[in-house]
Amino acid sequence: MERKENVTETSEIPTLLARQFPELFRVSTLPSGVIRLRTPLTHTDGTVVDVFVTSNPPGFRVSDLGDTQGLLETRGSQLSPEALEFLRATYEDLEILPAGGTIHKYLARPAELAESALRVAQAAAQLTVMAEFNRR
């Protein structure tokens, strides 16, 4: 039987995420109150993919906070139209919204946090893979 999670405060999110994820993931709260989930996934340059949880009443927002786009910009990476189309399909499959340089997903139920965080992390990692592949 699935346990119901009653989370109403952002301060409760780290505890919830720590229960939902194995020890490979590290959950911390940044001084700004944003919750960071350090994943075992990496970008093509070896940097860790982090995702962040913020309050977005009546629910939450899981995002890369633009880290992936920033990484690509520092590399001078640009995607071909074909790569962009592939990424659009990937985002659609993962139910992710890319907008304004961020990869994010809105959710209402705390029970969706773990899956949403994984989807955002997968999309971020996939974006850097596509950018690397596109450079060759």
N, C-alpha and C. Protein backbone atom coordinates (compact mmCIF):
# COMPACT_ATOMS: atom_id res chain seq x y z
N MET A 1 0.84 -1.17 0.00
CA MET A 1 0.00 0.00 0.00
C MET A 1 0.89 1.24 0.00
N GLU A 2 0.59 2.17 -0.86
CA GLU A 2 1.36 3.40 -0.97
C GLU A 2 1.02 4.33 0.19
N ARG A 3 2.07 4.87 0.79
CA ARG A 3 1.88 5.79 1.91
C ARG A 3 1.59 7.18 1.39
N LYS A 4 0.59 7.82 1.92
CA LYS A 4 0.26 9.18 1.50
C LYS A 4 1.20 10.16 2.20
N GLU A 5 1.66 11.12 1.43
CA GLU A 5 2.55 12.15 1.96
C GLU A 5 1.77 13.44 2.10
N ASN A 6 1.68 13.93 3.31
CA ASN A 6 1.03 15.22 3.56
C ASN A 6 2.11 16.26 3.80
N VAL A 7 2.45 16.98 2.75
CA VAL A 7 3.46 18.02 2.85
C VAL A 7 2.80 19.32 2.48
N THR A 8 2.85 20.24 3.39
CA THR A 8 2.26 21.55 3.11
C THR A 8 3.31 22.65 3.15
N GLU A 9 4.43 22.39 3.77
CA GLU A 9 5.48 23.39 3.92
C GLU A 9 6.70 22.99 3.11
N THR A 10 7.34 23.95 2.48
CA THR A 10 8.57 23.68 1.74
C THR A 10 9.63 23.10 2.66
N SER A 11 9.64 23.48 3.92
CA SER A 11 10.64 22.99 4.87
C SER A 11 10.55 21.48 5.08
N GLU A 12 9.42 20.87 4.74
CA GLU A 12 9.25 19.43 4.89
C GLU A 12 9.77 18.65 3.69
N ILE A 13 10.07 19.34 2.60
CA ILE A 13 10.47 18.68 1.36
C ILE A 13 11.77 17.89 1.50
N PRO A 14 12.83 18.42 2.15
CA PRO A 14 14.05 17.62 2.25
C PRO A 14 13.83 16.26 2.90
N THR A 15 13.03 16.21 3.93
CA THR A 15 12.74 14.94 4.60
C THR A 15 11.99 14.00 3.68
N LEU A 16 11.01 14.53 2.96
CA LEU A 16 10.26 13.72 2.02
C LEU A 16 11.16 13.17 0.92
N LEU A 17 12.01 14.02 0.34
CA LEU A 17 12.90 13.57 -0.73
C LEU A 17 13.91 12.54 -0.22
N ALA A 18 14.42 12.74 0.98
CA ALA A 18 15.37 11.78 1.54
C ALA A 18 14.73 10.40 1.70
N ARG A 19 13.44 10.35 2.01
CA ARG A 19 12.73 9.06 2.11
C ARG A 19 12.47 8.46 0.74
N GLN A 20 12.27 9.30 -0.28
CA GLN A 20 11.90 8.80 -1.60
C GLN A 20 13.10 8.37 -2.43
N PHE A 21 14.29 8.84 -2.09
CA PHE A 21 15.46 8.55 -2.90
C PHE A 21 16.45 7.68 -2.14
N PRO A 22 17.17 6.83 -2.88
CA PRO A 22 18.22 6.04 -2.24
C PRO A 22 19.39 6.94 -1.85
N GLU A 23 20.36 6.35 -1.20
CA GLU A 23 21.50 7.13 -0.71
C GLU A 23 22.35 7.74 -1.81
N LEU A 24 22.12 7.37 -3.06
CA LEU A 24 22.88 7.96 -4.16
C LEU A 24 22.55 9.43 -4.36
N PHE A 25 21.42 9.86 -3.84
CA PHE A 25 20.97 11.24 -3.98
C PHE A 25 21.21 11.96 -2.65
N ARG A 26 21.66 13.21 -2.74
CA ARG A 26 21.86 14.01 -1.52
C ARG A 26 20.92 15.20 -1.56
N VAL A 27 20.23 15.39 -0.47
CA VAL A 27 19.26 16.48 -0.36
C VAL A 27 19.80 17.51 0.63
N SER A 28 19.76 18.78 0.22
CA SER A 28 20.18 19.85 1.12
C SER A 28 19.32 21.09 0.87
N THR A 29 19.27 21.95 1.86
CA THR A 29 18.54 23.21 1.72
C THR A 29 19.57 24.33 1.61
N LEU A 30 19.47 25.11 0.55
CA LEU A 30 20.38 26.24 0.35
C LEU A 30 19.97 27.40 1.25
N PRO A 31 20.87 28.34 1.51
CA PRO A 31 20.53 29.49 2.37
C PRO A 31 19.29 30.25 1.90
N SER A 32 19.02 30.22 0.59
CA SER A 32 17.85 30.92 0.05
C SER A 32 16.54 30.19 0.34
N GLY A 33 16.64 28.97 0.88
CA GLY A 33 15.45 28.16 1.13
C GLY A 33 15.12 27.20 0.00
N VAL A 34 15.83 27.31 -1.11
CA VAL A 34 15.65 26.39 -2.22
C VAL A 34 16.24 25.04 -1.83
N ILE A 35 15.56 23.97 -2.19
CA ILE A 35 16.03 22.63 -1.86
C ILE A 35 16.79 22.07 -3.06
N ARG A 36 18.02 21.63 -2.81
CA ARG A 36 18.85 21.07 -3.88
C ARG A 36 18.90 19.56 -3.74
N LEU A 37 18.70 18.89 -4.86
CA LEU A 37 18.82 17.44 -4.92
C LEU A 37 20.00 17.14 -5.83
N ARG A 38 21.08 16.65 -5.24
CA ARG A 38 22.27 16.28 -6.01
C ARG A 38 22.06 14.84 -6.49
N THR A 39 22.05 14.66 -7.81
CA THR A 39 21.73 13.35 -8.39
C THR A 39 23.01 12.60 -8.75
N PRO A 40 22.92 11.30 -9.03
CA PRO A 40 24.10 10.56 -9.50
C PRO A 40 24.33 10.75 -11.00
N LEU A 41 23.45 11.49 -11.66
CA LEU A 41 23.61 11.74 -13.10
C LEU A 41 24.64 12.84 -13.31
N THR A 42 25.32 12.78 -14.46
CA THR A 42 26.32 13.80 -14.78
C THR A 42 26.10 14.33 -16.18
N HIS A 43 26.61 15.55 -16.38
CA HIS A 43 26.66 16.13 -17.70
C HIS A 43 27.86 15.51 -18.41
N THR A 44 28.00 15.75 -19.70
CA THR A 44 29.09 15.14 -20.47
C THR A 44 30.47 15.59 -20.01
N ASP A 45 30.57 16.71 -19.32
CA ASP A 45 31.87 17.16 -18.82
C ASP A 45 32.18 16.60 -17.43
N GLY A 46 31.27 15.77 -16.91
CA GLY A 46 31.48 15.14 -15.61
C GLY A 46 30.88 15.88 -14.43
N THR A 47 30.36 17.09 -14.65
CA THR A 47 29.75 17.80 -13.52
C THR A 47 28.42 17.14 -13.16
N VAL A 48 28.10 17.20 -11.90
CA VAL A 48 26.90 16.56 -11.38
C VAL A 48 25.66 17.34 -11.79
N VAL A 49 24.60 16.62 -12.13
CA VAL A 49 23.32 17.25 -12.43
C VAL A 49 22.59 17.47 -11.10
N ASP A 50 22.34 18.73 -10.79
CA ASP A 50 21.55 19.08 -9.61
C ASP A 50 20.18 19.54 -10.07
N VAL A 51 19.16 19.20 -9.29
CA VAL A 51 17.83 19.76 -9.52
C VAL A 51 17.39 20.44 -8.23
N PHE A 52 16.47 21.37 -8.37
CA PHE A 52 16.09 22.22 -7.26
C PHE A 52 14.57 22.22 -7.12
N VAL A 53 14.10 22.26 -5.88
CA VAL A 53 12.67 22.30 -5.59
C VAL A 53 12.36 23.63 -4.92
N THR A 54 11.38 24.32 -5.48
CA THR A 54 10.91 25.57 -4.89
C THR A 54 9.41 25.50 -4.72
N SER A 55 8.92 26.30 -3.81
CA SER A 55 7.48 26.38 -3.60
C SER A 55 6.85 27.14 -4.76
N ASN A 56 5.74 26.63 -5.24
CA ASN A 56 5.00 27.26 -6.32
C ASN A 56 3.51 27.02 -6.04
N PRO A 57 2.97 27.74 -5.04
CA PRO A 57 1.60 27.47 -4.60
C PRO A 57 0.62 27.36 -5.75
N PRO A 58 -0.22 26.36 -5.72
CA PRO A 58 -0.50 25.46 -4.61
C PRO A 58 0.40 24.23 -4.57
N GLY A 59 1.46 24.20 -5.34
CA GLY A 59 2.34 23.03 -5.39
C GLY A 59 3.80 23.40 -5.34
N PHE A 60 4.57 22.74 -6.20
CA PHE A 60 6.01 22.91 -6.21
C PHE A 60 6.52 22.97 -7.65
N ARG A 61 7.74 23.45 -7.79
CA ARG A 61 8.41 23.49 -9.08
C ARG A 61 9.74 22.79 -8.92
N VAL A 62 10.02 21.85 -9.80
CA VAL A 62 11.31 21.16 -9.84
C VAL A 62 12.02 21.69 -11.08
N SER A 63 13.27 22.14 -10.91
CA SER A 63 13.97 22.84 -12.00
C SER A 63 15.47 22.62 -11.92
N ASP A 64 16.14 22.87 -13.04
CA ASP A 64 17.61 22.91 -13.02
C ASP A 64 18.10 24.33 -12.75
N LEU A 65 17.20 25.29 -12.57
CA LEU A 65 17.49 26.70 -12.33
C LEU A 65 18.40 27.30 -13.40
N GLY A 66 18.39 26.72 -14.59
CA GLY A 66 19.18 27.25 -15.69
C GLY A 66 20.62 26.79 -15.72
N ASP A 67 21.01 25.89 -14.82
CA ASP A 67 22.39 25.41 -14.78
C ASP A 67 22.83 24.77 -16.09
N THR A 68 21.96 23.98 -16.69
CA THR A 68 22.32 23.28 -17.93
C THR A 68 22.56 24.27 -19.06
N GLN A 69 21.67 25.22 -19.20
CA GLN A 69 21.84 26.24 -20.24
C GLN A 69 23.12 27.03 -20.01
N GLY A 70 23.41 27.37 -18.77
CA GLY A 70 24.64 28.08 -18.45
C GLY A 70 25.88 27.28 -18.82
N LEU A 71 25.83 25.98 -18.56
CA LEU A 71 26.94 25.09 -18.92
C LEU A 71 27.15 25.08 -20.43
N LEU A 72 26.07 24.98 -21.18
CA LEU A 72 26.17 24.97 -22.64
C LEU A 72 26.70 26.29 -23.17
N GLU A 73 26.27 27.38 -22.58
CA GLU A 73 26.73 28.69 -23.02
C GLU A 73 28.23 28.88 -22.78
N THR A 74 28.73 28.37 -21.66
CA THR A 74 30.17 28.49 -21.39
C THR A 74 30.99 27.67 -22.37
N ARG A 75 30.40 26.62 -22.90
CA ARG A 75 31.08 25.79 -23.91
C ARG A 75 30.90 26.32 -25.33
N GLY A 76 30.00 27.28 -25.48
CA GLY A 76 29.71 27.78 -26.82
C GLY A 76 28.92 26.79 -27.66
N SER A 77 28.15 25.93 -27.01
CA SER A 77 27.38 24.90 -27.71
C SER A 77 26.10 25.46 -28.32
N GLN A 78 25.83 25.03 -29.53
CA GLN A 78 24.57 25.35 -30.19
C GLN A 78 24.03 24.07 -30.79
N LEU A 79 22.72 23.91 -30.73
CA LEU A 79 22.11 22.69 -31.23
C LEU A 79 21.57 22.89 -32.64
N SER A 80 21.71 21.84 -33.44
CA SER A 80 21.15 21.86 -34.78
C SER A 80 19.64 21.76 -34.70
N PRO A 81 18.93 22.12 -35.77
CA PRO A 81 17.47 21.97 -35.77
C PRO A 81 17.05 20.53 -35.49
N GLU A 82 17.80 19.56 -35.99
CA GLU A 82 17.47 18.15 -35.75
C GLU A 82 17.60 17.80 -34.27
N ALA A 83 18.69 18.29 -33.65
CA ALA A 83 18.90 18.02 -32.23
C ALA A 83 17.81 18.70 -31.39
N LEU A 84 17.44 19.91 -31.77
CA LEU A 84 16.37 20.60 -31.05
C LEU A 84 15.05 19.84 -31.14
N GLU A 85 14.77 19.29 -32.31
CA GLU A 85 13.54 18.51 -32.49
C GLU A 85 13.57 17.25 -31.62
N PHE A 86 14.72 16.59 -31.57
CA PHE A 86 14.86 15.41 -30.72
C PHE A 86 14.65 15.79 -29.25
N LEU A 87 15.22 16.91 -28.83
CA LEU A 87 15.05 17.35 -27.45
C LEU A 87 13.60 17.70 -27.14
N ARG A 88 12.91 18.33 -28.08
CA ARG A 88 11.49 18.62 -27.87
C ARG A 88 10.71 17.33 -27.62
N ALA A 89 11.01 16.30 -28.41
CA ALA A 89 10.34 15.01 -28.23
C ALA A 89 10.70 14.40 -26.88
N THR A 90 11.96 14.52 -26.48
CA THR A 90 12.39 14.01 -25.18
C THR A 90 11.67 14.72 -24.05
N TYR A 91 11.61 16.05 -24.13
CA TYR A 91 10.92 16.82 -23.11
C TYR A 91 9.44 16.43 -23.04
N GLU A 92 8.85 16.23 -24.20
CA GLU A 92 7.44 15.84 -24.23
C GLU A 92 7.26 14.47 -23.56
N ASP A 93 8.14 13.52 -23.88
CA ASP A 93 8.06 12.19 -23.26
C ASP A 93 8.21 12.26 -21.75
N LEU A 94 9.10 13.14 -21.29
CA LEU A 94 9.35 13.27 -19.86
C LEU A 94 8.39 14.25 -19.17
N GLU A 95 7.51 14.87 -19.97
CA GLU A 95 6.55 15.86 -19.46
C GLU A 95 7.26 17.02 -18.78
N ILE A 96 8.29 17.52 -19.47
CA ILE A 96 9.13 18.60 -18.97
C ILE A 96 8.85 19.86 -19.77
N LEU A 97 8.95 21.01 -19.11
CA LEU A 97 8.75 22.30 -19.77
C LEU A 97 10.08 23.05 -19.85
N PRO A 98 10.65 23.17 -21.04
CA PRO A 98 11.83 24.04 -21.15
C PRO A 98 11.36 25.46 -21.43
N ALA A 99 11.82 26.42 -20.65
CA ALA A 99 11.41 27.81 -20.87
C ALA A 99 12.38 28.75 -20.18
N GLY A 100 12.71 29.82 -20.86
CA GLY A 100 13.54 30.85 -20.27
C GLY A 100 14.90 30.36 -19.81
N GLY A 101 15.45 29.35 -20.49
CA GLY A 101 16.77 28.84 -20.12
C GLY A 101 16.76 27.80 -19.02
N THR A 102 15.57 27.45 -18.51
CA THR A 102 15.49 26.43 -17.47
C THR A 102 14.73 25.21 -17.98
N ILE A 103 14.96 24.12 -17.32
CA ILE A 103 14.20 22.88 -17.55
C ILE A 103 13.42 22.67 -16.27
N HIS A 104 12.11 22.59 -16.36
CA HIS A 104 11.33 22.48 -15.13
C HIS A 104 10.04 21.71 -15.30
N LYS A 105 9.48 21.37 -14.16
CA LYS A 105 8.20 20.66 -14.11
C LYS A 105 7.45 21.17 -12.88
N TYR A 106 6.18 21.49 -13.10
CA TYR A 106 5.32 21.91 -11.99
C TYR A 106 4.56 20.69 -11.51
N LEU A 107 4.33 20.61 -10.20
CA LEU A 107 3.57 19.50 -9.65
C LEU A 107 2.77 19.97 -8.46
N ALA A 108 1.69 19.27 -8.22
CA ALA A 108 0.80 19.64 -7.13
C ALA A 108 0.96 18.72 -5.93
N ARG A 109 1.25 17.45 -6.19
CA ARG A 109 1.29 16.47 -5.10
C ARG A 109 2.73 16.14 -4.70
N PRO A 110 3.05 16.17 -3.42
CA PRO A 110 4.40 15.83 -2.97
C PRO A 110 4.83 14.42 -3.39
N ALA A 111 3.88 13.53 -3.55
CA ALA A 111 4.21 12.17 -3.96
C ALA A 111 4.86 12.14 -5.35
N GLU A 112 4.72 13.22 -6.13
CA GLU A 112 5.29 13.28 -7.47
C GLU A 112 6.71 13.84 -7.48
N LEU A 113 7.23 14.27 -6.33
CA LEU A 113 8.53 14.93 -6.28
C LEU A 113 9.67 14.06 -6.82
N ALA A 114 9.76 12.84 -6.36
CA ALA A 114 10.87 11.98 -6.77
C ALA A 114 10.88 11.76 -8.27
N GLU A 115 9.75 11.38 -8.82
CA GLU A 115 9.67 11.14 -10.26
C GLU A 115 9.94 12.42 -11.05
N SER A 116 9.40 13.52 -10.60
CA SER A 116 9.62 14.80 -11.29
C SER A 116 11.08 15.20 -11.26
N ALA A 117 11.73 15.02 -10.13
CA ALA A 117 13.15 15.36 -10.01
C ALA A 117 13.98 14.50 -10.96
N LEU A 118 13.67 13.23 -11.05
CA LEU A 118 14.39 12.35 -11.98
C LEU A 118 14.18 12.77 -13.43
N ARG A 119 12.97 13.14 -13.76
CA ARG A 119 12.68 13.56 -15.13
C ARG A 119 13.44 14.84 -15.50
N VAL A 120 13.48 15.80 -14.61
CA VAL A 120 14.22 17.03 -14.87
C VAL A 120 15.71 16.72 -15.01
N ALA A 121 16.24 15.87 -14.12
CA ALA A 121 17.66 15.51 -14.19
C ALA A 121 17.97 14.77 -15.49
N GLN A 122 17.09 13.86 -15.91
CA GLN A 122 17.29 13.15 -17.18
C GLN A 122 17.30 14.12 -18.35
N ALA A 123 16.39 15.06 -18.34
CA ALA A 123 16.32 16.03 -19.43
C ALA A 123 17.58 16.89 -19.47
N ALA A 124 18.07 17.30 -18.31
CA ALA A 124 19.29 18.11 -18.26
C ALA A 124 20.49 17.33 -18.79
N ALA A 125 20.61 16.08 -18.37
CA ALA A 125 21.73 15.25 -18.84
C ALA A 125 21.61 15.01 -20.35
N GLN A 126 20.40 14.75 -20.82
CA GLN A 126 20.19 14.51 -22.25
C GLN A 126 20.54 15.74 -23.09
N LEU A 127 20.25 16.91 -22.58
CA LEU A 127 20.56 18.14 -23.30
C LEU A 127 22.06 18.28 -23.53
N THR A 128 22.86 17.99 -22.50
CA THR A 128 24.31 18.10 -22.70
C THR A 128 24.85 17.00 -23.60
N VAL A 129 24.24 15.82 -23.56
CA VAL A 129 24.64 14.76 -24.49
C VAL A 129 24.37 15.18 -25.93
N MET A 130 23.20 15.75 -26.15
CA MET A 130 22.86 16.20 -27.51
C MET A 130 23.80 17.31 -27.96
N ALA A 131 24.13 18.21 -27.08
CA ALA A 131 25.04 19.30 -27.44
C ALA A 131 26.43 18.75 -27.78
N GLU A 132 26.89 17.79 -27.01
CA GLU A 132 28.20 17.17 -27.29
C GLU A 132 28.18 16.42 -28.60
N PHE A 133 27.13 15.65 -28.84
CA PHE A 133 26.99 14.90 -30.08
C PHE A 133 26.93 15.86 -31.27
N ASN A 134 26.26 16.97 -31.09
CA ASN A 134 26.09 17.97 -32.14
C ASN A 134 27.41 18.63 -32.53
N ARG A 135 28.35 18.70 -31.58
CA ARG A 135 29.65 19.34 -31.84
C ARG A 135 30.56 18.47 -32.69
N ARG A 136 30.32 17.18 -32.73
CA ARG A 136 31.21 16.27 -33.45
C ARG A 136 30.95 16.25 -34.92
